[in-house]
């Protein structure tokens, strides 16, 4: 909502053209379904399965976006249409995640639903939401600042170079996400030995993924 309302201002700051605010407005439309989809996929992971996250979040949505944008480019679509085509598959994400969740737990039973006190819920979820929001903003703020100060050419070079480190970051995130159901199950059962074993495995895989990138950056400057 904030992005859509401030689209003209942001387009003037980042893109140098207020008329291109439509790009940000179209992109903003995809934010709510993406968030809903991520919440539902998180619920399936909490129930001990990574299948829906892999199928819908890591395979179906990216491939559909690639196919849609590729078709748009082949047909000579405008920038606004390309952003719209990129956004369409995002709307499929919450639907697929909801189906997977219902299959996992069955249809909701209003009589059996227990509503947690909102104070306890936000005391637990609030700091994590703020931390995740800040992390996401920091991941993208550098590109915005470089675009505002040095223009699109420098931003393109910076983004391309920055992708090298993101290879390791994505790998680390994937390892942690894949191990999350097992780690949470061990924590909920109070099995500290199993939880420590999962933590060691995550650490070993993380180091194995990240060290080659660190060495490459060290040698290439």
N, C-alpha and C. Protein backbone atom coordinates (compact mmCIF):
# COMPACT_ATOMS: atom_id res chain seq x y z
N UNK A 1 0.83 -1.19 0.00
CA UNK A 1 0.00 0.00 0.00
C UNK A 1 0.87 1.25 0.00
N UNK A 2 1.89 1.26 0.88
CA UNK A 2 2.80 2.40 0.95
C UNK A 2 3.52 2.58 -0.38
N UNK A 3 3.95 1.46 -0.97
CA UNK A 3 4.67 1.54 -2.24
C UNK A 3 3.77 2.09 -3.34
N UNK A 4 2.52 1.65 -3.37
CA UNK A 4 1.61 2.12 -4.40
C UNK A 4 1.32 3.61 -4.25
N UNK A 5 1.12 4.06 -3.00
CA UNK A 5 0.80 5.46 -2.77
C UNK A 5 1.99 6.35 -3.09
N UNK A 6 3.18 5.90 -2.72
CA UNK A 6 4.38 6.72 -2.93
C UNK A 6 5.09 6.40 -4.24
N UNK A 7 4.39 5.75 -5.16
CA UNK A 7 5.04 5.29 -6.38
C UNK A 7 5.63 6.44 -7.19
N UNK A 8 4.88 7.51 -7.32
CA UNK A 8 5.37 8.63 -8.12
C UNK A 8 6.65 9.22 -7.52
N UNK A 9 6.68 9.37 -6.19
CA UNK A 9 7.85 9.92 -5.53
C UNK A 9 9.04 8.98 -5.67
N UNK A 10 8.82 7.69 -5.44
CA UNK A 10 9.90 6.73 -5.53
C UNK A 10 10.42 6.61 -6.96
N UNK A 11 9.51 6.68 -7.94
CA UNK A 11 9.95 6.60 -9.32
C UNK A 11 10.81 7.79 -9.69
N UNK A 12 10.46 8.97 -9.17
CA UNK A 12 11.27 10.14 -9.44
C UNK A 12 12.64 10.05 -8.80
N UNK A 13 12.72 9.41 -7.61
CA UNK A 13 13.99 9.29 -6.89
C UNK A 13 14.87 8.21 -7.47
N UNK A 14 14.29 7.02 -7.71
CA UNK A 14 15.07 5.86 -8.12
C UNK A 14 15.21 5.76 -9.63
N UNK A 15 14.11 5.96 -10.35
CA UNK A 15 14.12 5.78 -11.80
C UNK A 15 14.36 7.08 -12.55
N UNK A 16 14.26 8.20 -11.85
CA UNK A 16 14.47 9.48 -12.51
C UNK A 16 13.32 9.90 -13.40
N UNK A 17 12.17 9.27 -13.27
CA UNK A 17 11.03 9.58 -14.12
C UNK A 17 9.75 9.26 -13.37
N UNK A 18 9.01 10.29 -13.00
CA UNK A 18 7.77 10.07 -12.26
C UNK A 18 6.72 9.35 -13.11
N UNK A 19 6.81 9.48 -14.43
CA UNK A 19 5.83 8.82 -15.28
C UNK A 19 5.93 7.30 -15.23
N UNK A 20 7.05 6.82 -14.75
CA UNK A 20 7.24 5.37 -14.67
C UNK A 20 6.77 4.81 -13.33
N UNK A 21 6.01 5.61 -12.59
CA UNK A 21 5.47 5.14 -11.32
C UNK A 21 4.56 3.94 -11.50
N UNK A 22 3.99 3.78 -12.69
CA UNK A 22 3.12 2.62 -12.93
C UNK A 22 3.85 1.31 -12.70
N UNK A 23 5.16 1.28 -12.95
CA UNK A 23 5.94 0.07 -12.70
C UNK A 23 5.87 -0.33 -11.24
N UNK A 24 6.04 0.65 -10.36
CA UNK A 24 6.02 0.36 -8.93
C UNK A 24 4.61 0.02 -8.45
N UNK A 25 3.61 0.66 -9.02
CA UNK A 25 2.23 0.36 -8.63
C UNK A 25 1.89 -1.08 -8.99
N UNK A 26 2.25 -1.50 -10.19
CA UNK A 26 1.97 -2.87 -10.61
C UNK A 26 2.74 -3.86 -9.73
N UNK A 27 3.99 -3.53 -9.42
CA UNK A 27 4.77 -4.42 -8.56
C UNK A 27 4.18 -4.49 -7.16
N UNK A 28 3.64 -3.36 -6.67
CA UNK A 28 3.08 -3.34 -5.32
C UNK A 28 1.87 -4.25 -5.20
N UNK A 29 1.13 -4.44 -6.30
CA UNK A 29 -0.05 -5.30 -6.26
C UNK A 29 0.32 -6.74 -5.92
N UNK A 30 1.55 -7.14 -6.24
CA UNK A 30 1.97 -8.52 -5.99
C UNK A 30 2.44 -8.74 -4.56
N UNK A 31 2.62 -7.67 -3.79
CA UNK A 31 3.16 -7.83 -2.43
C UNK A 31 2.20 -8.57 -1.50
N UNK A 32 0.89 -8.19 -1.41
CA UNK A 32 0.00 -8.91 -0.47
C UNK A 32 -0.12 -10.41 -0.73
N UNK A 33 -0.35 -10.86 -1.99
CA UNK A 33 -0.42 -12.31 -2.18
C UNK A 33 0.90 -13.02 -1.88
N UNK A 34 2.00 -12.35 -2.13
CA UNK A 34 3.30 -12.96 -1.81
C UNK A 34 3.43 -13.17 -0.31
N UNK A 35 3.04 -12.17 0.48
CA UNK A 35 3.13 -12.28 1.93
C UNK A 35 2.20 -13.38 2.45
N UNK A 36 0.96 -13.42 1.93
CA UNK A 36 0.02 -14.46 2.36
C UNK A 36 0.57 -15.84 2.02
N UNK A 37 1.13 -15.96 0.82
CA UNK A 37 1.70 -17.24 0.43
C UNK A 37 2.84 -17.66 1.33
N UNK A 38 3.71 -16.71 1.69
CA UNK A 38 4.82 -17.04 2.57
C UNK A 38 4.35 -17.47 3.96
N UNK A 39 3.29 -16.81 4.46
CA UNK A 39 2.75 -17.20 5.77
C UNK A 39 2.19 -18.61 5.72
N UNK A 40 1.44 -18.93 4.67
CA UNK A 40 0.87 -20.27 4.55
C UNK A 40 1.95 -21.33 4.36
N UNK A 41 2.97 -21.02 3.57
CA UNK A 41 4.07 -21.97 3.42
C UNK A 41 4.81 -22.15 4.74
N UNK A 42 4.94 -21.07 5.51
CA UNK A 42 5.55 -21.19 6.83
C UNK A 42 4.76 -22.11 7.74
N UNK A 43 3.43 -22.08 7.61
CA UNK A 43 2.59 -22.98 8.40
C UNK A 43 2.82 -24.43 8.02
N UNK A 44 2.99 -24.70 6.72
CA UNK A 44 3.26 -26.08 6.32
C UNK A 44 4.62 -26.55 6.82
N UNK A 45 5.61 -25.64 6.83
CA UNK A 45 6.92 -26.02 7.38
C UNK A 45 6.81 -26.28 8.87
N UNK A 46 5.98 -25.48 9.55
CA UNK A 46 5.77 -25.70 10.97
C UNK A 46 5.15 -27.05 11.27
N UNK A 47 4.43 -27.59 10.30
CA UNK A 47 3.82 -28.91 10.46
C UNK A 47 4.76 -30.03 10.03
N UNK A 48 5.99 -29.68 9.68
CA UNK A 48 7.00 -30.69 9.44
C UNK A 48 7.20 -31.13 8.01
N UNK A 49 6.79 -30.32 7.04
CA UNK A 49 7.00 -30.70 5.66
C UNK A 49 7.59 -29.54 4.86
N UNK A 50 8.56 -29.86 4.00
CA UNK A 50 9.17 -28.87 3.13
C UNK A 50 8.63 -28.95 1.70
N UNK A 51 7.81 -29.97 1.43
CA UNK A 51 7.32 -30.20 0.08
C UNK A 51 6.63 -28.99 -0.55
N UNK A 52 5.61 -28.40 0.11
CA UNK A 52 4.93 -27.26 -0.50
C UNK A 52 5.85 -26.07 -0.74
N UNK A 53 6.80 -25.82 0.17
CA UNK A 53 7.73 -24.71 -0.02
C UNK A 53 8.58 -24.93 -1.26
N UNK A 54 9.06 -26.16 -1.44
CA UNK A 54 9.89 -26.46 -2.61
C UNK A 54 9.06 -26.40 -3.89
N UNK A 55 7.88 -27.04 -3.86
CA UNK A 55 7.07 -27.12 -5.08
C UNK A 55 6.54 -25.76 -5.51
N UNK A 56 5.94 -25.03 -4.56
CA UNK A 56 5.27 -23.78 -4.92
C UNK A 56 6.19 -22.57 -4.82
N UNK A 57 6.99 -22.51 -3.78
CA UNK A 57 7.82 -21.32 -3.57
C UNK A 57 9.13 -21.31 -4.32
N UNK A 58 9.73 -22.50 -4.53
CA UNK A 58 11.05 -22.56 -5.12
C UNK A 58 11.07 -23.07 -6.56
N UNK A 59 10.01 -23.71 -7.01
CA UNK A 59 10.00 -24.25 -8.37
C UNK A 59 8.87 -23.64 -9.20
N UNK A 60 7.62 -23.83 -8.78
CA UNK A 60 6.48 -23.41 -9.61
C UNK A 60 6.47 -21.90 -9.85
N UNK A 61 6.56 -21.10 -8.78
CA UNK A 61 6.48 -19.65 -8.96
C UNK A 61 7.64 -19.09 -9.79
N UNK A 62 8.91 -19.42 -9.46
CA UNK A 62 10.00 -18.86 -10.28
C UNK A 62 9.93 -19.29 -11.75
N UNK A 63 9.60 -20.56 -12.01
CA UNK A 63 9.52 -21.01 -13.39
C UNK A 63 8.38 -20.33 -14.14
N UNK A 64 7.24 -20.15 -13.46
CA UNK A 64 6.12 -19.47 -14.09
C UNK A 64 6.46 -18.01 -14.38
N UNK A 65 7.17 -17.36 -13.46
CA UNK A 65 7.58 -15.98 -13.71
C UNK A 65 8.55 -15.89 -14.88
N UNK A 66 9.49 -16.82 -14.94
CA UNK A 66 10.45 -16.83 -16.04
C UNK A 66 9.75 -17.05 -17.37
N UNK A 67 8.81 -17.98 -17.40
CA UNK A 67 8.08 -18.25 -18.64
C UNK A 67 7.23 -17.05 -19.05
N UNK A 68 6.56 -16.42 -18.09
CA UNK A 68 5.70 -15.29 -18.41
C UNK A 68 6.50 -14.11 -18.93
N UNK A 69 7.60 -13.78 -18.26
CA UNK A 69 8.43 -12.66 -18.70
C UNK A 69 9.10 -12.99 -20.04
N UNK A 70 9.53 -14.23 -20.22
CA UNK A 70 10.13 -14.62 -21.50
C UNK A 70 9.15 -14.48 -22.65
N UNK A 71 7.90 -14.89 -22.41
CA UNK A 71 6.88 -14.74 -23.45
C UNK A 71 6.63 -13.27 -23.76
N UNK A 72 6.61 -12.45 -22.69
CA UNK A 72 6.41 -11.02 -22.90
C UNK A 72 7.53 -10.39 -23.70
N UNK A 73 8.76 -10.78 -23.40
CA UNK A 73 9.90 -10.25 -24.16
C UNK A 73 9.84 -10.69 -25.62
N UNK A 74 9.45 -11.94 -25.83
CA UNK A 74 9.37 -12.43 -27.21
C UNK A 74 8.31 -11.69 -28.02
N UNK A 75 7.26 -11.24 -27.34
CA UNK A 75 6.19 -10.52 -28.02
C UNK A 75 6.41 -9.01 -28.04
N UNK A 76 7.53 -8.55 -27.46
CA UNK A 76 7.83 -7.13 -27.47
C UNK A 76 6.97 -6.31 -26.52
N UNK A 77 6.63 -6.89 -25.36
CA UNK A 77 5.77 -6.19 -24.41
C UNK A 77 6.50 -5.01 -23.78
N UNK A 78 5.72 -4.04 -23.31
CA UNK A 78 6.29 -2.87 -22.64
C UNK A 78 6.75 -3.24 -21.24
N UNK A 79 7.46 -2.30 -20.60
CA UNK A 79 7.99 -2.55 -19.26
C UNK A 79 6.87 -2.80 -18.26
N UNK A 80 5.79 -2.03 -18.35
CA UNK A 80 4.67 -2.21 -17.42
C UNK A 80 4.04 -3.59 -17.59
N UNK A 81 3.88 -4.02 -18.84
CA UNK A 81 3.30 -5.34 -19.10
C UNK A 81 4.23 -6.43 -18.58
N UNK A 82 5.54 -6.26 -18.73
CA UNK A 82 6.48 -7.25 -18.23
C UNK A 82 6.40 -7.39 -16.72
N UNK A 83 6.28 -6.25 -16.02
CA UNK A 83 6.14 -6.31 -14.56
C UNK A 83 4.84 -6.99 -14.18
N UNK A 84 3.77 -6.71 -14.93
CA UNK A 84 2.49 -7.36 -14.67
C UNK A 84 2.58 -8.87 -14.89
N UNK A 85 3.26 -9.27 -15.97
CA UNK A 85 3.43 -10.70 -16.22
C UNK A 85 4.26 -11.36 -15.13
N UNK A 86 5.26 -10.66 -14.63
CA UNK A 86 6.07 -11.18 -13.53
C UNK A 86 5.23 -11.33 -12.26
N UNK A 87 4.24 -10.46 -12.07
CA UNK A 87 3.44 -10.46 -10.84
C UNK A 87 2.35 -11.52 -10.85
N UNK A 88 1.87 -11.90 -12.04
CA UNK A 88 0.73 -12.83 -12.11
C UNK A 88 1.01 -14.15 -11.39
N UNK A 89 2.16 -14.83 -11.60
CA UNK A 89 2.37 -16.09 -10.91
C UNK A 89 2.40 -15.98 -9.38
N UNK A 90 2.68 -14.77 -8.87
CA UNK A 90 2.70 -14.59 -7.41
C UNK A 90 1.33 -14.87 -6.83
N UNK A 91 0.27 -14.58 -7.58
CA UNK A 91 -1.09 -14.82 -7.08
C UNK A 91 -1.41 -16.30 -6.97
N UNK A 92 -0.68 -17.14 -7.68
CA UNK A 92 -0.90 -18.58 -7.58
C UNK A 92 -0.30 -19.14 -6.30
N UNK A 93 0.71 -18.47 -5.77
CA UNK A 93 1.42 -18.96 -4.59
C UNK A 93 0.51 -19.18 -3.39
N UNK A 94 -0.31 -18.18 -2.96
CA UNK A 94 -1.17 -18.43 -1.78
C UNK A 94 -2.20 -19.51 -2.03
N UNK A 95 -2.70 -19.63 -3.28
CA UNK A 95 -3.68 -20.68 -3.57
C UNK A 95 -3.05 -22.06 -3.41
N UNK A 96 -1.87 -22.25 -4.00
CA UNK A 96 -1.20 -23.54 -3.88
C UNK A 96 -0.82 -23.85 -2.43
N UNK A 97 -0.35 -22.82 -1.71
CA UNK A 97 0.03 -23.03 -0.31
C UNK A 97 -1.19 -23.37 0.54
N UNK A 98 -2.33 -22.72 0.26
CA UNK A 98 -3.55 -23.01 1.03
C UNK A 98 -4.02 -24.44 0.79
N UNK A 99 -3.97 -24.88 -0.46
CA UNK A 99 -4.36 -26.26 -0.76
C UNK A 99 -3.45 -27.25 -0.03
N UNK A 100 -2.15 -26.99 -0.06
CA UNK A 100 -1.21 -27.87 0.63
C UNK A 100 -1.46 -27.90 2.13
N UNK A 101 -1.79 -26.74 2.70
CA UNK A 101 -2.04 -26.68 4.14
C UNK A 101 -3.31 -27.43 4.52
N UNK A 102 -4.36 -27.27 3.73
CA UNK A 102 -5.62 -27.98 4.01
C UNK A 102 -5.42 -29.48 3.88
N UNK A 103 -4.64 -29.91 2.90
CA UNK A 103 -4.37 -31.33 2.75
C UNK A 103 -3.58 -31.86 3.94
N UNK A 104 -2.78 -31.00 4.53
CA UNK A 104 -1.94 -31.44 5.66
C UNK A 104 -2.74 -31.56 6.95
N UNK A 105 -3.63 -30.61 7.20
CA UNK A 105 -4.34 -30.57 8.48
C UNK A 105 -5.84 -30.79 8.35
N UNK A 106 -6.36 -30.80 7.11
CA UNK A 106 -7.79 -30.93 6.91
C UNK A 106 -8.47 -29.57 6.95
N UNK A 107 -9.75 -29.49 6.58
CA UNK A 107 -10.46 -28.21 6.59
C UNK A 107 -10.56 -27.65 8.00
N UNK A 108 -10.58 -26.32 8.14
CA UNK A 108 -10.63 -25.72 9.48
C UNK A 108 -11.95 -26.02 10.18
N UNK A 109 -11.86 -26.26 11.47
CA UNK A 109 -13.02 -26.52 12.32
C UNK A 109 -13.13 -25.35 13.29
N UNK A 110 -14.13 -24.52 13.09
CA UNK A 110 -14.27 -23.32 13.91
C UNK A 110 -14.41 -23.64 15.39
N UNK A 111 -15.03 -24.77 15.70
CA UNK A 111 -15.24 -25.13 17.11
C UNK A 111 -13.95 -25.55 17.79
N UNK A 112 -12.98 -26.01 16.98
CA UNK A 112 -11.73 -26.50 17.56
C UNK A 112 -10.61 -25.47 17.54
N UNK A 113 -10.87 -24.32 16.95
CA UNK A 113 -9.83 -23.31 16.85
C UNK A 113 -9.60 -22.65 18.21
N UNK A 114 -8.34 -22.57 18.60
CA UNK A 114 -7.96 -21.90 19.84
C UNK A 114 -7.20 -20.63 19.49
N UNK A 115 -7.74 -19.51 19.90
CA UNK A 115 -7.14 -18.22 19.59
C UNK A 115 -6.17 -17.84 20.70
N UNK A 116 -4.91 -17.68 20.33
CA UNK A 116 -3.91 -17.30 21.32
C UNK A 116 -4.10 -15.83 21.72
N UNK A 117 -3.82 -15.46 22.97
CA UNK A 117 -3.90 -14.07 23.38
C UNK A 117 -3.01 -13.20 22.49
N UNK A 118 -3.57 -12.08 22.02
CA UNK A 118 -2.84 -11.29 21.03
C UNK A 118 -1.57 -10.70 21.62
N UNK A 119 -1.57 -10.42 22.93
CA UNK A 119 -0.35 -9.87 23.53
C UNK A 119 0.78 -10.89 23.49
N UNK A 120 0.50 -12.12 23.81
CA UNK A 120 1.53 -13.16 23.78
C UNK A 120 1.99 -13.41 22.35
N UNK A 121 1.03 -13.38 21.42
CA UNK A 121 1.39 -13.62 20.02
C UNK A 121 2.35 -12.56 19.51
N UNK A 122 2.00 -11.29 19.73
CA UNK A 122 2.85 -10.21 19.21
C UNK A 122 4.14 -10.06 19.99
N UNK A 123 4.13 -10.46 21.27
CA UNK A 123 5.38 -10.45 22.02
C UNK A 123 6.38 -11.44 21.41
N UNK A 124 5.85 -12.53 20.85
CA UNK A 124 6.70 -13.52 20.19
C UNK A 124 7.00 -13.12 18.75
N UNK A 125 5.97 -12.73 18.00
CA UNK A 125 6.13 -12.49 16.56
C UNK A 125 6.62 -11.09 16.24
N UNK A 126 6.34 -10.10 17.10
CA UNK A 126 6.69 -8.72 16.79
C UNK A 126 8.18 -8.50 16.54
N UNK A 127 9.05 -8.88 17.47
CA UNK A 127 10.49 -8.68 17.23
C UNK A 127 10.99 -9.40 15.98
N UNK A 128 10.46 -10.57 15.72
CA UNK A 128 10.88 -11.30 14.53
C UNK A 128 10.41 -10.61 13.26
N UNK A 129 9.20 -10.06 13.29
CA UNK A 129 8.70 -9.34 12.12
C UNK A 129 9.55 -8.10 11.84
N UNK A 130 9.90 -7.38 12.91
CA UNK A 130 10.73 -6.18 12.74
C UNK A 130 12.11 -6.57 12.20
N UNK A 131 12.69 -7.64 12.75
CA UNK A 131 14.01 -8.08 12.31
C UNK A 131 13.99 -8.51 10.85
N UNK A 132 12.96 -9.27 10.46
CA UNK A 132 12.87 -9.72 9.06
C UNK A 132 12.67 -8.54 8.12
N UNK A 133 11.84 -7.56 8.53
CA UNK A 133 11.61 -6.38 7.71
C UNK A 133 12.89 -5.58 7.54
N UNK A 134 13.61 -5.39 8.64
CA UNK A 134 14.87 -4.63 8.58
C UNK A 134 15.90 -5.35 7.71
N UNK A 135 15.97 -6.68 7.82
CA UNK A 135 16.91 -7.44 7.01
C UNK A 135 16.57 -7.32 5.53
N UNK A 136 15.29 -7.41 5.20
CA UNK A 136 14.88 -7.27 3.82
C UNK A 136 15.16 -5.88 3.27
N UNK A 137 14.93 -4.86 4.10
CA UNK A 137 15.19 -3.49 3.66
C UNK A 137 16.68 -3.26 3.44
N UNK A 138 17.52 -3.79 4.32
CA UNK A 138 18.96 -3.61 4.17
C UNK A 138 19.48 -4.33 2.93
N UNK A 139 18.87 -5.47 2.60
CA UNK A 139 19.31 -6.21 1.41
C UNK A 139 19.09 -5.41 0.13
N UNK A 140 18.12 -4.48 0.16
CA UNK A 140 17.76 -3.76 -1.05
C UNK A 140 18.08 -2.28 -0.99
N UNK A 141 18.35 -1.76 0.19
CA UNK A 141 18.59 -0.34 0.33
C UNK A 141 19.86 0.10 -0.38
N UNK A 142 20.88 -0.77 -0.37
CA UNK A 142 22.13 -0.38 -1.01
C UNK A 142 21.95 -0.12 -2.50
N UNK A 143 21.15 -0.95 -3.16
CA UNK A 143 20.91 -0.76 -4.59
C UNK A 143 20.16 0.55 -4.84
N UNK A 144 19.19 0.85 -3.99
CA UNK A 144 18.43 2.08 -4.14
C UNK A 144 19.33 3.30 -3.97
N UNK A 145 20.20 3.27 -2.96
CA UNK A 145 21.09 4.41 -2.72
C UNK A 145 22.08 4.61 -3.88
N UNK A 146 22.63 3.51 -4.38
CA UNK A 146 23.57 3.63 -5.50
C UNK A 146 22.86 4.16 -6.74
N UNK A 147 21.63 3.72 -6.96
CA UNK A 147 20.88 4.21 -8.11
C UNK A 147 20.60 5.70 -7.98
N UNK A 148 20.29 6.15 -6.77
CA UNK A 148 19.99 7.57 -6.57
C UNK A 148 21.23 8.44 -6.71
N UNK A 149 22.40 7.92 -6.30
CA UNK A 149 23.62 8.73 -6.29
C UNK A 149 24.43 8.63 -7.58
N UNK A 150 24.47 7.44 -8.20
CA UNK A 150 25.39 7.24 -9.31
C UNK A 150 24.73 6.83 -10.62
N UNK A 151 23.42 6.61 -10.62
CA UNK A 151 22.74 6.31 -11.86
C UNK A 151 22.64 4.82 -12.16
N UNK A 152 21.93 4.48 -13.23
CA UNK A 152 21.65 3.07 -13.52
C UNK A 152 22.87 2.25 -13.92
N UNK A 153 23.86 2.87 -14.60
CA UNK A 153 25.02 2.11 -15.06
C UNK A 153 25.81 1.55 -13.87
N UNK A 154 26.11 2.41 -12.90
CA UNK A 154 26.84 1.97 -11.72
C UNK A 154 26.02 0.95 -10.92
N UNK A 155 24.71 1.15 -10.89
CA UNK A 155 23.84 0.22 -10.17
C UNK A 155 23.88 -1.16 -10.81
N UNK A 156 23.90 -1.20 -12.13
CA UNK A 156 23.94 -2.49 -12.83
C UNK A 156 25.23 -3.23 -12.52
N UNK A 157 26.36 -2.52 -12.54
CA UNK A 157 27.65 -3.15 -12.22
C UNK A 157 27.68 -3.65 -10.78
N UNK A 158 27.19 -2.82 -9.85
CA UNK A 158 27.17 -3.21 -8.44
C UNK A 158 26.29 -4.44 -8.23
N UNK A 159 25.11 -4.44 -8.86
CA UNK A 159 24.19 -5.56 -8.69
C UNK A 159 24.79 -6.85 -9.23
N UNK A 160 25.46 -6.76 -10.38
CA UNK A 160 26.07 -7.95 -10.96
C UNK A 160 27.17 -8.51 -10.05
N UNK A 161 28.00 -7.63 -9.52
CA UNK A 161 29.07 -8.08 -8.61
C UNK A 161 28.50 -8.63 -7.31
N UNK A 162 27.41 -8.03 -6.86
CA UNK A 162 26.81 -8.45 -5.59
C UNK A 162 26.16 -9.82 -5.67
N UNK A 163 25.82 -10.26 -6.89
CA UNK A 163 25.19 -11.57 -7.05
C UNK A 163 26.13 -12.70 -6.63
N UNK A 164 27.44 -12.45 -6.70
CA UNK A 164 28.40 -13.50 -6.34
C UNK A 164 28.22 -13.87 -4.87
N UNK A 165 28.16 -12.87 -4.02
CA UNK A 165 27.98 -13.16 -2.59
C UNK A 165 26.59 -13.72 -2.31
N UNK A 166 25.62 -13.34 -3.13
CA UNK A 166 24.26 -13.83 -2.90
C UNK A 166 24.13 -15.32 -3.17
N UNK A 167 25.04 -15.88 -3.97
CA UNK A 167 25.03 -17.32 -4.19
C UNK A 167 25.19 -18.06 -2.86
N UNK A 168 26.16 -17.61 -2.08
CA UNK A 168 26.39 -18.23 -0.78
C UNK A 168 25.25 -17.94 0.19
N UNK A 169 24.72 -16.72 0.14
CA UNK A 169 23.63 -16.35 1.05
C UNK A 169 22.40 -17.19 0.78
N UNK A 170 22.07 -17.37 -0.50
CA UNK A 170 20.91 -18.20 -0.85
C UNK A 170 21.14 -19.65 -0.41
N UNK A 171 22.35 -20.14 -0.58
CA UNK A 171 22.65 -21.48 -0.13
C UNK A 171 22.48 -21.65 1.37
N UNK A 172 22.99 -20.67 2.12
CA UNK A 172 22.84 -20.72 3.58
C UNK A 172 21.38 -20.68 3.99
N UNK A 173 20.62 -19.82 3.33
CA UNK A 173 19.18 -19.73 3.64
C UNK A 173 18.48 -21.04 3.34
N UNK A 174 18.84 -21.68 2.23
CA UNK A 174 18.20 -22.93 1.85
C UNK A 174 18.49 -24.03 2.86
N UNK A 175 19.74 -24.09 3.32
CA UNK A 175 20.10 -25.10 4.31
C UNK A 175 19.32 -24.90 5.61
N UNK A 176 19.28 -23.66 6.08
CA UNK A 176 18.56 -23.37 7.32
C UNK A 176 17.07 -23.65 7.18
N UNK A 177 16.51 -23.30 6.03
CA UNK A 177 15.08 -23.53 5.82
C UNK A 177 14.76 -25.01 5.74
N UNK A 178 15.61 -25.77 5.07
CA UNK A 178 15.37 -27.20 4.94
C UNK A 178 15.45 -27.92 6.29
N UNK A 179 16.31 -27.43 7.17
CA UNK A 179 16.49 -28.07 8.47
C UNK A 179 15.51 -27.57 9.52
N UNK A 180 14.76 -26.51 9.20
CA UNK A 180 13.89 -25.89 10.20
C UNK A 180 12.84 -26.84 10.77
N UNK A 181 12.10 -27.62 9.94
CA UNK A 181 11.10 -28.50 10.54
C UNK A 181 11.67 -29.49 11.54
N UNK A 182 12.81 -30.12 11.19
CA UNK A 182 13.42 -31.10 12.10
C UNK A 182 13.93 -30.43 13.37
N UNK A 183 14.51 -29.25 13.22
CA UNK A 183 15.03 -28.55 14.40
C UNK A 183 13.90 -28.13 15.33
N UNK A 184 12.81 -27.62 14.76
CA UNK A 184 11.69 -27.18 15.59
C UNK A 184 11.00 -28.34 16.27
N UNK A 185 10.92 -29.47 15.56
CA UNK A 185 10.32 -30.66 16.19
C UNK A 185 11.16 -31.13 17.37
N UNK A 186 12.47 -31.13 17.20
CA UNK A 186 13.35 -31.54 18.31
C UNK A 186 13.24 -30.56 19.47
N UNK A 187 13.15 -29.26 19.16
CA UNK A 187 13.03 -28.26 20.23
C UNK A 187 11.71 -28.42 20.97
N UNK A 188 10.61 -28.65 20.22
CA UNK A 188 9.30 -28.80 20.86
C UNK A 188 9.24 -30.02 21.76
N UNK A 189 9.98 -31.08 21.39
CA UNK A 189 10.00 -32.30 22.20
C UNK A 189 11.03 -32.25 23.33
N UNK A 190 11.82 -31.18 23.35
CA UNK A 190 12.85 -31.07 24.38
C UNK A 190 14.03 -31.97 24.15
N UNK A 191 14.21 -32.43 22.90
CA UNK A 191 15.32 -33.34 22.58
C UNK A 191 16.54 -32.48 22.22
N UNK A 192 17.32 -32.13 23.22
CA UNK A 192 18.46 -31.25 22.99
C UNK A 192 19.58 -31.93 22.18
N UNK A 193 19.70 -33.23 22.32
CA UNK A 193 20.73 -33.94 21.55
C UNK A 193 20.43 -33.86 20.06
N UNK A 194 19.17 -34.15 19.69
CA UNK A 194 18.78 -34.08 18.28
C UNK A 194 18.87 -32.65 17.75
N UNK A 195 18.48 -31.68 18.58
CA UNK A 195 18.55 -30.29 18.16
C UNK A 195 19.99 -29.85 17.92
N UNK A 196 20.90 -30.29 18.79
CA UNK A 196 22.31 -29.95 18.62
C UNK A 196 22.88 -30.62 17.37
N UNK A 197 22.43 -31.83 17.08
CA UNK A 197 22.91 -32.53 15.87
C UNK A 197 22.46 -31.79 14.61
N UNK A 198 21.22 -31.30 14.60
CA UNK A 198 20.74 -30.53 13.45
C UNK A 198 21.54 -29.24 13.31
N UNK A 199 21.81 -28.58 14.44
CA UNK A 199 22.57 -27.33 14.41
C UNK A 199 23.99 -27.57 13.86
N UNK A 200 24.61 -28.66 14.26
CA UNK A 200 25.95 -28.98 13.75
C UNK A 200 25.91 -29.24 12.24
N UNK A 201 24.89 -29.97 11.80
CA UNK A 201 24.77 -30.25 10.38
C UNK A 201 24.57 -28.97 9.57
N UNK A 202 23.72 -28.07 10.08
CA UNK A 202 23.49 -26.80 9.40
C UNK A 202 24.78 -25.98 9.33
N UNK A 203 25.53 -25.97 10.44
CA UNK A 203 26.79 -25.22 10.47
C UNK A 203 27.79 -25.78 9.47
N UNK A 204 27.92 -27.10 9.42
CA UNK A 204 28.86 -27.73 8.50
C UNK A 204 28.52 -27.42 7.04
N UNK A 205 27.25 -27.54 6.70
CA UNK A 205 26.83 -27.26 5.33
C UNK A 205 26.98 -25.78 4.98
N UNK A 206 26.70 -24.92 5.95
CA UNK A 206 26.83 -23.48 5.72
C UNK A 206 28.27 -23.10 5.44
N UNK A 207 29.18 -23.62 6.25
CA UNK A 207 30.61 -23.33 6.04
C UNK A 207 31.07 -23.88 4.69
N UNK A 208 30.63 -25.08 4.35
CA UNK A 208 31.03 -25.68 3.08
C UNK A 208 30.54 -24.86 1.89
N UNK A 209 29.37 -24.26 2.02
CA UNK A 209 28.83 -23.45 0.92
C UNK A 209 29.48 -22.08 0.84
N UNK A 210 29.78 -21.49 2.00
CA UNK A 210 30.23 -20.10 2.02
C UNK A 210 31.73 -19.96 1.82
N UNK A 211 32.53 -20.91 2.27
CA UNK A 211 33.98 -20.74 2.20
C UNK A 211 34.50 -20.59 0.77
N UNK A 212 34.04 -21.37 -0.21
CA UNK A 212 34.55 -21.15 -1.57
C UNK A 212 34.30 -19.74 -2.08
N UNK A 213 33.15 -19.17 -1.74
CA UNK A 213 32.86 -17.80 -2.16
C UNK A 213 33.79 -16.83 -1.46
N UNK A 214 34.03 -17.04 -0.16
CA UNK A 214 34.95 -16.18 0.59
C UNK A 214 36.35 -16.22 -0.01
N UNK A 215 36.82 -17.42 -0.35
CA UNK A 215 38.16 -17.56 -0.93
C UNK A 215 38.24 -16.87 -2.29
N UNK A 216 37.19 -17.03 -3.08
CA UNK A 216 37.16 -16.39 -4.40
C UNK A 216 37.23 -14.88 -4.27
N UNK A 217 36.45 -14.31 -3.35
CA UNK A 217 36.47 -12.87 -3.15
C UNK A 217 37.82 -12.39 -2.62
N UNK A 218 38.44 -13.21 -1.76
CA UNK A 218 39.74 -12.84 -1.20
C UNK A 218 40.82 -12.83 -2.29
N UNK A 219 40.78 -13.80 -3.19
CA UNK A 219 41.81 -13.90 -4.22
C UNK A 219 41.60 -12.90 -5.35
N UNK A 220 40.33 -12.56 -5.63
CA UNK A 220 40.06 -11.65 -6.74
C UNK A 220 39.95 -10.20 -6.32
N UNK A 221 39.94 -9.95 -5.01
CA UNK A 221 39.87 -8.58 -4.52
C UNK A 221 38.48 -8.00 -4.64
